[in-house]
């Protein structure tokens, strides 16, 4: 078989490969383009993400709240922390500062008594009382956090308002090699299909 006779059998795989590559390249591009609805006769064409952004935002918000960031779990984690023990040093320092600075400024005579053992006794009375209040504050804060902060709503609003071009930029920065693999896979599969067709034609000649 001469080179001229081989050309028809080679053209098929090359054309099919190009068609496969272009098809997948176009599919990747159509994830984000066109950003605005484009009417072509009775058809309306719009990129998948721009068209479905609000639906994606709603589902993503529900998923994140259900699987990743649950405010009840965060509140429970706060309640389980021994915050009184963690803050004990800070509480003692602040109580001493208030007694020796603020109280003495307000009542100068108090400075004569709040020294040494007397100061320690007063601190030993006040600090434990403050520590007892911390769990109450944590419970109140956790309840307010759970009641006021709607993770699903926040995520939904953020994603719905997120610029599509910025989302495209981020996804392509993260998945550039994966998108390229998809495009090349289309070309390779198209070439193989064309090669099988050419082989069939050659066997039937």
N, C-alpha and C. Protein backbone atom coordinates (compact mmCIF):
# COMPACT_ATOMS: atom_id res chain seq x y z
N UNK A 1 0.85 -1.20 0.00
CA UNK A 1 0.00 0.00 0.00
C UNK A 1 0.88 1.24 0.00
N UNK A 2 0.60 2.14 -0.93
CA UNK A 2 1.41 3.35 -1.06
C UNK A 2 0.99 4.39 -0.01
N UNK A 3 1.84 5.42 0.13
CA UNK A 3 1.53 6.49 1.08
C UNK A 3 0.24 7.19 0.70
N UNK A 4 0.00 7.35 -0.62
CA UNK A 4 -1.23 7.99 -1.06
C UNK A 4 -2.45 7.17 -0.66
N UNK A 5 -2.33 5.85 -0.73
CA UNK A 5 -3.45 4.98 -0.35
C UNK A 5 -3.68 4.97 1.17
N UNK A 6 -2.60 5.25 1.94
CA UNK A 6 -2.73 5.26 3.40
C UNK A 6 -3.44 6.51 3.93
N UNK A 7 -3.35 7.60 3.15
CA UNK A 7 -3.87 8.88 3.64
C UNK A 7 -5.33 8.80 4.07
N UNK A 8 -6.25 8.18 3.31
CA UNK A 8 -7.65 8.12 3.75
C UNK A 8 -7.82 7.42 5.10
N UNK A 9 -6.95 6.42 5.37
CA UNK A 9 -7.06 5.68 6.63
C UNK A 9 -6.48 6.47 7.80
N UNK A 10 -5.59 7.42 7.51
CA UNK A 10 -5.00 8.24 8.57
C UNK A 10 -5.84 9.48 8.87
N UNK A 11 -6.53 9.96 7.84
CA UNK A 11 -7.33 11.18 8.03
C UNK A 11 -8.44 10.96 9.06
N UNK A 12 -9.08 9.78 9.01
CA UNK A 12 -10.18 9.49 9.94
C UNK A 12 -9.77 9.60 11.40
N UNK A 13 -8.71 8.88 11.83
CA UNK A 13 -8.29 9.01 13.24
C UNK A 13 -7.91 10.43 13.64
N UNK A 14 -7.23 11.15 12.72
CA UNK A 14 -6.81 12.52 13.05
C UNK A 14 -8.04 13.42 13.23
N UNK A 15 -8.99 13.32 12.31
CA UNK A 15 -10.19 14.15 12.41
C UNK A 15 -11.00 13.79 13.65
N UNK A 16 -11.15 12.49 13.92
CA UNK A 16 -11.90 12.07 15.11
C UNK A 16 -11.20 12.52 16.39
N UNK A 17 -9.86 12.47 16.37
CA UNK A 17 -9.10 12.94 17.53
C UNK A 17 -9.32 14.42 17.76
N UNK A 18 -9.29 15.21 16.68
CA UNK A 18 -9.53 16.65 16.80
C UNK A 18 -10.94 16.94 17.29
N UNK A 19 -11.90 16.18 16.75
CA UNK A 19 -13.29 16.37 17.18
C UNK A 19 -13.44 16.06 18.67
N UNK A 20 -12.82 14.95 19.11
CA UNK A 20 -12.88 14.58 20.53
C UNK A 20 -12.24 15.62 21.43
N UNK A 21 -11.08 16.15 20.99
CA UNK A 21 -10.39 17.16 21.80
C UNK A 21 -11.21 18.45 21.87
N UNK A 22 -11.70 18.90 20.71
CA UNK A 22 -12.49 20.14 20.66
C UNK A 22 -13.77 20.00 21.48
N UNK A 23 -14.42 18.83 21.39
CA UNK A 23 -15.66 18.60 22.13
C UNK A 23 -15.43 18.73 23.64
N UNK A 24 -14.38 18.07 24.14
CA UNK A 24 -14.11 18.14 25.58
C UNK A 24 -13.61 19.52 26.00
N UNK A 25 -12.83 20.17 25.13
CA UNK A 25 -12.38 21.53 25.43
C UNK A 25 -13.59 22.46 25.55
N UNK A 26 -14.53 22.29 24.62
CA UNK A 26 -15.75 23.10 24.64
C UNK A 26 -16.59 22.79 25.88
N UNK A 27 -16.64 21.51 26.26
CA UNK A 27 -17.41 21.13 27.45
C UNK A 27 -16.84 21.78 28.71
N UNK A 28 -15.50 21.81 28.81
CA UNK A 28 -14.86 22.46 29.96
C UNK A 28 -15.16 23.96 29.96
N UNK A 29 -15.05 24.59 28.78
CA UNK A 29 -15.32 26.02 28.69
C UNK A 29 -16.77 26.35 29.04
N UNK A 30 -17.67 25.45 28.66
CA UNK A 30 -19.09 25.71 28.88
C UNK A 30 -19.50 25.52 30.34
N UNK A 31 -18.56 25.11 31.19
CA UNK A 31 -18.85 25.13 32.62
C UNK A 31 -19.07 26.56 33.09
N UNK A 32 -18.39 27.52 32.44
CA UNK A 32 -18.45 28.92 32.88
C UNK A 32 -18.92 29.88 31.79
N UNK A 33 -18.95 29.45 30.55
CA UNK A 33 -19.29 30.36 29.44
C UNK A 33 -20.42 29.76 28.61
N UNK A 34 -21.26 30.63 28.04
CA UNK A 34 -21.32 32.08 28.27
C UNK A 34 -21.88 32.39 29.67
N UNK A 35 -21.39 33.49 30.23
CA UNK A 35 -21.81 33.85 31.58
C UNK A 35 -23.24 34.36 31.61
N UNK A 36 -23.62 35.06 30.55
CA UNK A 36 -25.00 35.56 30.44
C UNK A 36 -25.75 34.69 29.45
N UNK A 37 -27.08 34.53 29.63
CA UNK A 37 -27.86 33.70 28.71
C UNK A 37 -27.70 34.19 27.26
N UNK A 38 -27.44 33.26 26.37
CA UNK A 38 -27.27 33.58 24.95
C UNK A 38 -28.37 32.86 24.17
N UNK A 39 -29.22 33.64 23.51
CA UNK A 39 -30.33 33.05 22.76
C UNK A 39 -29.91 32.80 21.32
N UNK A 40 -30.11 31.56 20.89
CA UNK A 40 -29.88 31.19 19.49
C UNK A 40 -31.16 30.52 19.01
N UNK A 41 -32.01 31.31 18.36
CA UNK A 41 -33.31 30.80 17.95
C UNK A 41 -34.12 30.42 19.18
N UNK A 42 -34.65 29.20 19.20
CA UNK A 42 -35.45 28.78 20.36
C UNK A 42 -34.59 28.34 21.55
N UNK A 43 -33.29 28.21 21.33
CA UNK A 43 -32.40 27.71 22.38
C UNK A 43 -31.81 28.85 23.20
N UNK A 44 -31.61 28.60 24.47
CA UNK A 44 -30.92 29.53 25.36
C UNK A 44 -29.71 28.81 25.94
N UNK A 45 -28.53 29.35 25.68
CA UNK A 45 -27.29 28.70 26.13
C UNK A 45 -26.65 29.56 27.22
N UNK A 46 -26.25 28.90 28.30
CA UNK A 46 -25.55 29.58 29.38
C UNK A 46 -24.65 28.57 30.09
N UNK A 47 -23.52 29.04 30.57
CA UNK A 47 -22.59 28.17 31.28
C UNK A 47 -23.25 27.49 32.48
N UNK A 48 -22.76 26.30 32.81
CA UNK A 48 -23.38 25.52 33.88
C UNK A 48 -23.33 26.27 35.21
N UNK A 49 -22.15 26.79 35.58
CA UNK A 49 -22.03 27.47 36.87
C UNK A 49 -22.83 28.77 36.94
N UNK A 50 -22.75 29.65 35.93
CA UNK A 50 -23.58 30.86 36.00
C UNK A 50 -25.08 30.54 36.07
N UNK A 51 -25.50 29.52 35.32
CA UNK A 51 -26.92 29.19 35.28
C UNK A 51 -27.40 28.58 36.59
N UNK A 52 -26.55 27.77 37.21
CA UNK A 52 -26.95 27.02 38.40
C UNK A 52 -26.33 27.56 39.68
N UNK A 53 -25.82 28.79 39.64
CA UNK A 53 -25.09 29.31 40.80
C UNK A 53 -25.94 29.36 42.06
N UNK A 54 -27.18 29.81 41.94
CA UNK A 54 -28.04 29.90 43.13
C UNK A 54 -28.39 28.53 43.67
N UNK A 55 -28.67 27.58 42.77
CA UNK A 55 -28.98 26.22 43.22
C UNK A 55 -27.75 25.59 43.87
N UNK A 56 -26.57 25.83 43.26
CA UNK A 56 -25.33 25.32 43.83
C UNK A 56 -25.08 25.92 45.21
N UNK A 57 -25.35 27.23 45.33
CA UNK A 57 -25.14 27.90 46.62
C UNK A 57 -26.04 27.30 47.70
N UNK A 58 -27.30 27.04 47.35
CA UNK A 58 -28.24 26.47 48.33
C UNK A 58 -27.80 25.08 48.77
N UNK A 59 -27.42 24.25 47.81
CA UNK A 59 -27.02 22.88 48.14
C UNK A 59 -25.70 22.86 48.91
N UNK A 60 -24.78 23.73 48.51
CA UNK A 60 -23.48 23.78 49.19
C UNK A 60 -23.66 24.26 50.63
N UNK A 61 -24.52 25.25 50.83
CA UNK A 61 -24.78 25.74 52.19
C UNK A 61 -25.35 24.65 53.08
N UNK A 62 -26.34 23.91 52.56
CA UNK A 62 -26.94 22.82 53.33
C UNK A 62 -25.92 21.73 53.62
N UNK A 63 -25.09 21.41 52.63
CA UNK A 63 -24.08 20.35 52.80
C UNK A 63 -23.05 20.73 53.84
N UNK A 64 -22.56 21.97 53.77
CA UNK A 64 -21.53 22.41 54.72
C UNK A 64 -22.07 22.44 56.14
N UNK A 65 -23.29 22.93 56.31
CA UNK A 65 -23.86 22.96 57.66
C UNK A 65 -24.11 21.55 58.19
N UNK A 66 -24.52 20.65 57.31
CA UNK A 66 -24.85 19.29 57.75
C UNK A 66 -23.60 18.45 58.00
N UNK A 67 -22.58 18.60 57.15
CA UNK A 67 -21.43 17.70 57.21
C UNK A 67 -20.17 18.32 57.80
N UNK A 68 -20.00 19.64 57.69
CA UNK A 68 -18.71 20.24 58.05
C UNK A 68 -18.79 21.19 59.24
N UNK A 69 -19.66 22.18 59.16
CA UNK A 69 -19.69 23.23 60.19
C UNK A 69 -21.08 23.27 60.81
N UNK A 70 -21.26 22.50 61.88
CA UNK A 70 -22.53 22.47 62.58
C UNK A 70 -22.42 23.30 63.85
N UNK A 71 -23.25 24.32 63.98
CA UNK A 71 -23.13 25.25 65.10
C UNK A 71 -23.40 24.56 66.44
N UNK A 72 -24.26 23.55 66.44
CA UNK A 72 -24.51 22.82 67.69
C UNK A 72 -23.24 22.11 68.15
N UNK A 73 -22.50 21.53 67.20
CA UNK A 73 -21.26 20.85 67.55
C UNK A 73 -20.22 21.84 68.06
N UNK A 74 -20.15 23.02 67.44
CA UNK A 74 -19.21 24.05 67.90
C UNK A 74 -19.59 24.50 69.30
N UNK A 75 -20.88 24.69 69.54
CA UNK A 75 -21.33 25.11 70.86
C UNK A 75 -21.01 24.05 71.91
N UNK A 76 -21.23 22.77 71.56
CA UNK A 76 -20.91 21.69 72.50
C UNK A 76 -19.42 21.64 72.78
N UNK A 77 -18.61 21.86 71.74
CA UNK A 77 -17.15 21.86 71.93
C UNK A 77 -16.73 22.98 72.87
N UNK A 78 -17.38 24.14 72.75
CA UNK A 78 -17.07 25.25 73.66
C UNK A 78 -17.43 24.89 75.10
N UNK A 79 -18.57 24.25 75.27
CA UNK A 79 -19.01 23.90 76.63
C UNK A 79 -18.07 22.88 77.28
N UNK A 80 -17.47 22.03 76.46
CA UNK A 80 -16.61 20.98 77.00
C UNK A 80 -15.22 21.48 77.39
N UNK A 81 -14.86 22.65 76.93
CA UNK A 81 -13.55 23.20 77.26
C UNK A 81 -13.53 23.72 78.70
N UNK A 82 -12.44 23.44 79.41
CA UNK A 82 -12.28 23.97 80.77
C UNK A 82 -11.69 25.38 80.66
N UNK A 83 -12.55 26.30 80.25
CA UNK A 83 -12.08 27.66 80.01
C UNK A 83 -11.68 28.37 81.30
N UNK A 84 -12.32 28.00 82.40
CA UNK A 84 -11.97 28.63 83.68
C UNK A 84 -10.50 28.35 84.02
N UNK A 85 -10.08 27.10 83.81
CA UNK A 85 -8.69 26.74 84.10
C UNK A 85 -7.74 27.45 83.14
N UNK A 86 -8.15 27.56 81.88
CA UNK A 86 -7.29 28.21 80.88
C UNK A 86 -7.11 29.70 81.17
N UNK A 87 -8.16 30.32 81.68
CA UNK A 87 -8.12 31.76 81.90
C UNK A 87 -7.75 32.15 83.34
N UNK A 88 -7.48 31.15 84.18
CA UNK A 88 -7.25 31.45 85.59
C UNK A 88 -6.12 32.46 85.79
N UNK A 89 -5.01 32.26 85.09
CA UNK A 89 -3.88 33.18 85.23
C UNK A 89 -4.24 34.59 84.82
N UNK A 90 -4.96 34.71 83.71
CA UNK A 90 -5.38 36.03 83.24
C UNK A 90 -6.35 36.68 84.22
N UNK A 91 -7.28 35.88 84.73
CA UNK A 91 -8.26 36.41 85.69
C UNK A 91 -7.55 36.94 86.94
N UNK A 92 -6.60 36.16 87.45
CA UNK A 92 -5.86 36.59 88.65
C UNK A 92 -5.12 37.90 88.41
N UNK A 93 -4.48 38.00 87.23
CA UNK A 93 -3.73 39.22 86.90
C UNK A 93 -4.67 40.42 86.82
N UNK A 94 -5.81 40.23 86.15
CA UNK A 94 -6.74 41.35 85.98
C UNK A 94 -7.38 41.76 87.30
N UNK A 95 -7.71 40.78 88.14
CA UNK A 95 -8.28 41.10 89.45
C UNK A 95 -7.29 41.89 90.28
N UNK A 96 -6.04 41.45 90.27
CA UNK A 96 -5.01 42.17 91.04
C UNK A 96 -4.82 43.58 90.49
N UNK A 97 -4.83 43.71 89.17
CA UNK A 97 -4.65 45.03 88.56
C UNK A 97 -5.80 45.96 88.95
N UNK A 98 -7.02 45.44 88.90
CA UNK A 98 -8.19 46.26 89.26
C UNK A 98 -8.13 46.69 90.73
N UNK A 99 -7.76 45.74 91.59
CA UNK A 99 -7.71 46.06 93.02
C UNK A 99 -6.61 47.06 93.35
N UNK A 100 -5.44 46.89 92.74
CA UNK A 100 -4.30 47.74 93.11
C UNK A 100 -4.25 49.04 92.33
N UNK A 101 -4.95 49.10 91.19
CA UNK A 101 -4.91 50.33 90.39
C UNK A 101 -6.26 51.05 90.39
N UNK A 102 -7.27 50.39 89.86
CA UNK A 102 -8.56 51.06 89.70
C UNK A 102 -9.21 51.35 91.05
N UNK A 103 -9.22 50.34 91.92
CA UNK A 103 -9.86 50.54 93.22
C UNK A 103 -9.12 51.58 94.06
N UNK A 104 -7.80 51.53 94.01
CA UNK A 104 -7.01 52.50 94.79
C UNK A 104 -7.22 53.91 94.25
N UNK A 105 -7.37 54.03 92.92
CA UNK A 105 -7.65 55.35 92.34
C UNK A 105 -9.00 55.87 92.81
N UNK A 106 -9.97 54.97 92.86
CA UNK A 106 -11.32 55.38 93.27
C UNK A 106 -11.42 55.60 94.78
N UNK A 107 -10.75 54.72 95.54
CA UNK A 107 -10.77 54.81 97.01
C UNK A 107 -9.32 54.76 97.50
N UNK A 108 -8.65 55.89 97.55
CA UNK A 108 -7.23 55.90 97.93
C UNK A 108 -6.94 55.20 99.25
N UNK A 109 -7.85 55.27 100.20
CA UNK A 109 -7.61 54.64 101.50
C UNK A 109 -7.46 53.12 101.39
N UNK A 110 -8.07 52.54 100.34
CA UNK A 110 -8.00 51.09 100.17
C UNK A 110 -6.57 50.62 99.96
N UNK A 111 -5.73 51.49 99.41
CA UNK A 111 -4.34 51.11 99.17
C UNK A 111 -3.59 50.79 100.44
N UNK A 112 -4.04 51.31 101.56
CA UNK A 112 -3.37 51.04 102.83
C UNK A 112 -3.60 49.59 103.28
N UNK A 113 -4.72 48.99 102.83
CA UNK A 113 -5.07 47.66 103.32
C UNK A 113 -4.80 46.56 102.28
N UNK A 114 -4.91 46.93 100.98
CA UNK A 114 -4.76 45.91 99.93
C UNK A 114 -3.30 45.66 99.62
N UNK A 115 -2.61 45.06 100.52
CA UNK A 115 -1.21 44.70 100.33
C UNK A 115 -0.98 43.32 100.92
N UNK A 116 0.01 42.63 100.38
CA UNK A 116 0.44 41.35 100.94
C UNK A 116 -0.67 40.34 101.12
N UNK A 117 -0.81 39.85 102.36
CA UNK A 117 -1.75 38.77 102.66
C UNK A 117 -3.19 39.20 102.45
N UNK A 118 -3.52 40.46 102.75
CA UNK A 118 -4.89 40.94 102.56
C UNK A 118 -5.27 40.90 101.09
N UNK A 119 -4.36 41.36 100.24
CA UNK A 119 -4.61 41.35 98.80
C UNK A 119 -4.83 39.92 98.31
N UNK A 120 -4.02 39.00 98.78
CA UNK A 120 -4.16 37.59 98.37
C UNK A 120 -5.51 37.03 98.81
N UNK A 121 -5.94 37.36 100.02
CA UNK A 121 -7.23 36.87 100.51
C UNK A 121 -8.39 37.40 99.66
N UNK A 122 -8.32 38.67 99.34
CA UNK A 122 -9.38 39.27 98.51
C UNK A 122 -9.41 38.61 97.13
N UNK A 123 -8.22 38.40 96.57
CA UNK A 123 -8.13 37.73 95.27
C UNK A 123 -8.70 36.32 95.36
N UNK A 124 -8.39 35.62 96.43
CA UNK A 124 -8.85 34.24 96.60
C UNK A 124 -10.37 34.16 96.75
N UNK A 125 -10.99 35.26 97.13
CA UNK A 125 -12.45 35.30 97.20
C UNK A 125 -13.05 35.62 95.83
N UNK A 126 -12.47 36.62 95.16
CA UNK A 126 -13.05 37.11 93.91
C UNK A 126 -12.81 36.16 92.74
N UNK A 127 -11.57 35.67 92.60
CA UNK A 127 -11.21 34.85 91.43
C UNK A 127 -12.10 33.61 91.30
N UNK A 128 -12.32 32.80 92.35
CA UNK A 128 -13.20 31.64 92.20
C UNK A 128 -14.63 32.01 91.80
N UNK A 129 -15.11 33.15 92.29
CA UNK A 129 -16.47 33.58 91.93
C UNK A 129 -16.55 33.91 90.44
N UNK A 130 -15.51 34.54 89.94
CA UNK A 130 -15.48 34.84 88.49
C UNK A 130 -15.41 33.54 87.69
N UNK A 131 -14.60 32.59 88.18
CA UNK A 131 -14.46 31.31 87.47
C UNK A 131 -15.79 30.57 87.41
N UNK A 132 -16.61 30.70 88.45
CA UNK A 132 -17.93 30.05 88.44
C UNK A 132 -18.84 30.64 87.37
N UNK A 133 -18.61 31.91 87.05
CA UNK A 133 -19.46 32.57 86.05
C UNK A 133 -19.11 32.18 84.62
N UNK A 134 -17.88 31.73 84.40
CA UNK A 134 -17.43 31.44 83.03
C UNK A 134 -18.31 30.40 82.34
N UNK A 135 -18.63 29.24 82.97
CA UNK A 135 -19.52 28.28 82.30
C UNK A 135 -20.87 28.88 81.94
N UNK A 136 -21.39 29.76 82.79
CA UNK A 136 -22.67 30.41 82.49
C UNK A 136 -22.54 31.30 81.26
N UNK A 137 -21.43 32.05 81.19
CA UNK A 137 -21.20 32.91 80.02
C UNK A 137 -21.05 32.06 78.75
N UNK A 138 -20.33 30.94 78.88
CA UNK A 138 -20.11 30.06 77.72
C UNK A 138 -21.43 29.49 77.24
N UNK A 139 -22.27 29.02 78.16
CA UNK A 139 -23.59 28.49 77.78
C UNK A 139 -24.42 29.55 77.07
N UNK A 140 -24.40 30.76 77.60
CA UNK A 140 -25.16 31.86 77.01
C UNK A 140 -24.63 32.19 75.62
N UNK A 141 -23.30 32.27 75.51
CA UNK A 141 -22.68 32.58 74.21
C UNK A 141 -22.95 31.49 73.20
N UNK A 142 -22.87 30.22 73.63
CA UNK A 142 -23.12 29.10 72.73
C UNK A 142 -24.56 29.11 72.24
N UNK A 143 -25.49 29.39 73.15
CA UNK A 143 -26.90 29.45 72.77
C UNK A 143 -27.16 30.59 71.78
N UNK A 144 -26.56 31.75 72.04
CA UNK A 144 -26.72 32.89 71.14
C UNK A 144 -26.10 32.58 69.78
N UNK A 145 -24.94 31.92 69.79
CA UNK A 145 -24.25 31.57 68.55
C UNK A 145 -25.11 30.64 67.71
N UNK A 146 -25.67 29.63 68.36
CA UNK A 146 -26.51 28.66 67.65
C UNK A 146 -27.77 29.32 67.10
N UNK A 147 -28.34 30.23 67.88
CA UNK A 147 -29.60 30.87 67.47
C UNK A 147 -29.40 31.92 66.39
N UNK A 148 -28.29 32.63 66.45
CA UNK A 148 -28.11 33.81 65.59
C UNK A 148 -27.31 33.52 64.32
N UNK A 149 -26.42 32.52 64.35
CA UNK A 149 -25.52 32.33 63.21
C UNK A 149 -26.00 31.15 62.39
N UNK A 150 -26.52 31.43 61.23
CA UNK A 150 -27.04 30.40 60.32
C UNK A 150 -25.98 30.11 59.26
N UNK A 151 -25.24 29.02 59.45
CA UNK A 151 -24.14 28.67 58.53
C UNK A 151 -24.67 28.48 57.12
N UNK A 152 -25.77 27.75 56.98
CA UNK A 152 -26.33 27.49 55.66
C UNK A 152 -26.65 28.79 54.93
N UNK A 153 -27.27 29.72 55.63
CA UNK A 153 -27.65 31.00 55.03
C UNK A 153 -26.42 31.80 54.64
N UNK A 154 -25.41 31.83 55.51
CA UNK A 154 -24.19 32.60 55.23
C UNK A 154 -23.48 32.04 54.00
N UNK A 155 -23.31 30.71 53.95
CA UNK A 155 -22.63 30.08 52.81
C UNK A 155 -23.42 30.31 51.54
N UNK A 156 -24.75 30.15 51.61
CA UNK A 156 -25.59 30.33 50.43
C UNK A 156 -25.45 31.74 49.87
N UNK A 157 -25.50 32.74 50.74
CA UNK A 157 -25.39 34.12 50.29
C UNK A 157 -24.00 34.42 49.72
N UNK A 158 -22.96 33.90 50.37
CA UNK A 158 -21.59 34.14 49.91
C UNK A 158 -21.36 33.53 48.53
N UNK A 159 -21.79 32.27 48.37
CA UNK A 159 -21.57 31.58 47.09
C UNK A 159 -22.41 32.21 46.00
N UNK A 160 -23.66 32.56 46.31
CA UNK A 160 -24.54 33.17 45.31
C UNK A 160 -24.00 34.51 44.84
N UNK A 161 -23.33 35.24 45.74
CA UNK A 161 -22.80 36.56 45.39
C UNK A 161 -21.37 36.51 44.86
N UNK A 162 -20.78 35.31 44.87
CA UNK A 162 -19.38 35.19 44.44
C UNK A 162 -19.27 35.40 42.94
N UNK A 163 -18.36 36.26 42.47
CA UNK A 163 -18.23 36.50 41.03
C UNK A 163 -17.86 35.22 40.28
N UNK A 164 -18.58 34.93 39.21
CA UNK A 164 -18.34 33.70 38.45
C UNK A 164 -16.93 33.69 37.87
N UNK A 165 -16.46 34.85 37.42
CA UNK A 165 -15.11 34.90 36.84
C UNK A 165 -14.04 34.57 37.88
N UNK A 166 -14.30 34.97 39.13
CA UNK A 166 -13.35 34.65 40.20
C UNK A 166 -13.39 33.16 40.51
N UNK A 167 -14.59 32.58 40.51
CA UNK A 167 -14.73 31.14 40.73
C UNK A 167 -14.02 30.36 39.62
N UNK A 168 -14.18 30.82 38.38
CA UNK A 168 -13.49 30.17 37.26
C UNK A 168 -11.98 30.24 37.44
N UNK A 169 -11.49 31.40 37.84
CA UNK A 169 -10.05 31.58 38.05
C UNK A 169 -9.53 30.63 39.13
N UNK A 170 -10.28 30.51 40.22
CA UNK A 170 -9.85 29.64 41.33
C UNK A 170 -9.86 28.18 40.90
N UNK A 171 -10.96 27.73 40.26
CA UNK A 171 -11.06 26.33 39.86
C UNK A 171 -10.00 25.96 38.83
N UNK A 172 -9.73 26.86 37.89
CA UNK A 172 -8.72 26.55 36.88
C UNK A 172 -7.32 26.55 37.50
N UNK A 173 -7.10 27.39 38.51
CA UNK A 173 -5.80 27.37 39.19
C UNK A 173 -5.60 26.06 39.93
N UNK A 174 -6.69 25.52 40.51
CA UNK A 174 -6.60 24.27 41.28
C UNK A 174 -6.61 23.05 40.37
N UNK A 175 -7.45 23.08 39.33
CA UNK A 175 -7.70 21.88 38.53
C UNK A 175 -7.24 22.01 37.09
N UNK A 176 -6.26 22.86 36.85
CA UNK A 176 -5.79 23.05 35.47
C UNK A 176 -5.37 21.73 34.83
N UNK A 177 -4.57 20.94 35.56
CA UNK A 177 -4.07 19.68 34.99
C UNK A 177 -5.22 18.70 34.76
N UNK A 178 -6.22 18.69 35.66
CA UNK A 178 -7.36 17.78 35.49
C UNK A 178 -8.19 18.17 34.27
N UNK A 179 -8.42 19.47 34.08
CA UNK A 179 -9.16 19.92 32.90
C UNK A 179 -8.40 19.58 31.62
N UNK A 180 -7.08 19.75 31.65
CA UNK A 180 -6.26 19.42 30.48
C UNK A 180 -6.32 17.93 30.19
N UNK A 181 -6.33 17.13 31.25
CA UNK A 181 -6.43 15.68 31.08
C UNK A 181 -7.76 15.32 30.40
N UNK A 182 -8.84 15.98 30.82
CA UNK A 182 -10.15 15.74 30.20
C UNK A 182 -10.10 16.05 28.71
N UNK A 183 -9.48 17.18 28.35
CA UNK A 183 -9.38 17.57 26.95
C UNK A 183 -8.56 16.55 26.16
N UNK A 184 -7.41 16.16 26.71
CA UNK A 184 -6.54 15.20 26.02
C UNK A 184 -7.21 13.83 25.91
N UNK A 185 -7.96 13.46 26.94
CA UNK A 185 -8.67 12.18 26.89
C UNK A 185 -9.66 12.15 25.74
N UNK A 186 -10.35 13.27 25.54
CA UNK A 186 -11.26 13.35 24.40
C UNK A 186 -10.54 13.16 23.08
N UNK A 187 -9.35 13.78 22.96
CA UNK A 187 -8.57 13.63 21.74
C UNK A 187 -8.10 12.20 21.53
N UNK A 188 -7.62 11.57 22.59
CA UNK A 188 -7.12 10.19 22.49
C UNK A 188 -8.25 9.23 22.15
N UNK A 189 -9.38 9.36 22.85
CA UNK A 189 -10.51 8.48 22.57
C UNK A 189 -11.03 8.67 21.15
N UNK A 190 -11.09 9.94 20.72
CA UNK A 190 -11.52 10.21 19.35
C UNK A 190 -10.58 9.58 18.34
N UNK A 191 -9.28 9.69 18.60
CA UNK A 191 -8.29 9.10 17.69
C UNK A 191 -8.45 7.58 17.64
N UNK A 192 -8.65 6.94 18.80
CA UNK A 192 -8.81 5.49 18.83
C UNK A 192 -10.07 5.05 18.09
N UNK A 193 -11.16 5.80 18.26
CA UNK A 193 -12.40 5.47 17.54
C UNK A 193 -12.18 5.59 16.04
N UNK A 194 -11.49 6.68 15.64
CA UNK A 194 -11.19 6.85 14.22
C UNK A 194 -10.29 5.74 13.70
N UNK A 195 -9.33 5.30 14.53
CA UNK A 195 -8.43 4.22 14.11
C UNK A 195 -9.20 2.92 13.93
N UNK A 196 -10.15 2.64 14.82
CA UNK A 196 -10.97 1.43 14.70
C UNK A 196 -11.81 1.49 13.43
N UNK A 197 -12.36 2.66 13.13
CA UNK A 197 -13.15 2.82 11.90
C UNK A 197 -12.28 2.59 10.67
N UNK A 198 -11.08 3.17 10.69
CA UNK A 198 -10.17 3.01 9.55
C UNK A 198 -9.76 1.55 9.39
N UNK A 199 -9.54 0.87 10.51
CA UNK A 199 -9.18 -0.55 10.45
C UNK A 199 -10.33 -1.36 9.85
N UNK A 200 -11.57 -1.02 10.26
CA UNK A 200 -12.72 -1.71 9.71
C UNK A 200 -12.84 -1.49 8.21
N UNK A 201 -12.62 -0.26 7.76
CA UNK A 201 -12.67 0.04 6.33
C UNK A 201 -11.58 -0.71 5.58
N UNK A 202 -10.39 -0.79 6.20
CA UNK A 202 -9.27 -1.48 5.54
C UNK A 202 -9.56 -2.98 5.41
N UNK A 203 -10.19 -3.56 6.44
CA UNK A 203 -10.51 -4.99 6.39
C UNK A 203 -11.62 -5.29 5.39
N UNK A 204 -12.51 -4.31 5.18
CA UNK A 204 -13.64 -4.52 4.27
C UNK A 204 -13.33 -4.19 2.83
N UNK A 205 -12.17 -3.63 2.59
CA UNK A 205 -11.89 -3.18 1.21
C UNK A 205 -11.71 -4.38 0.27
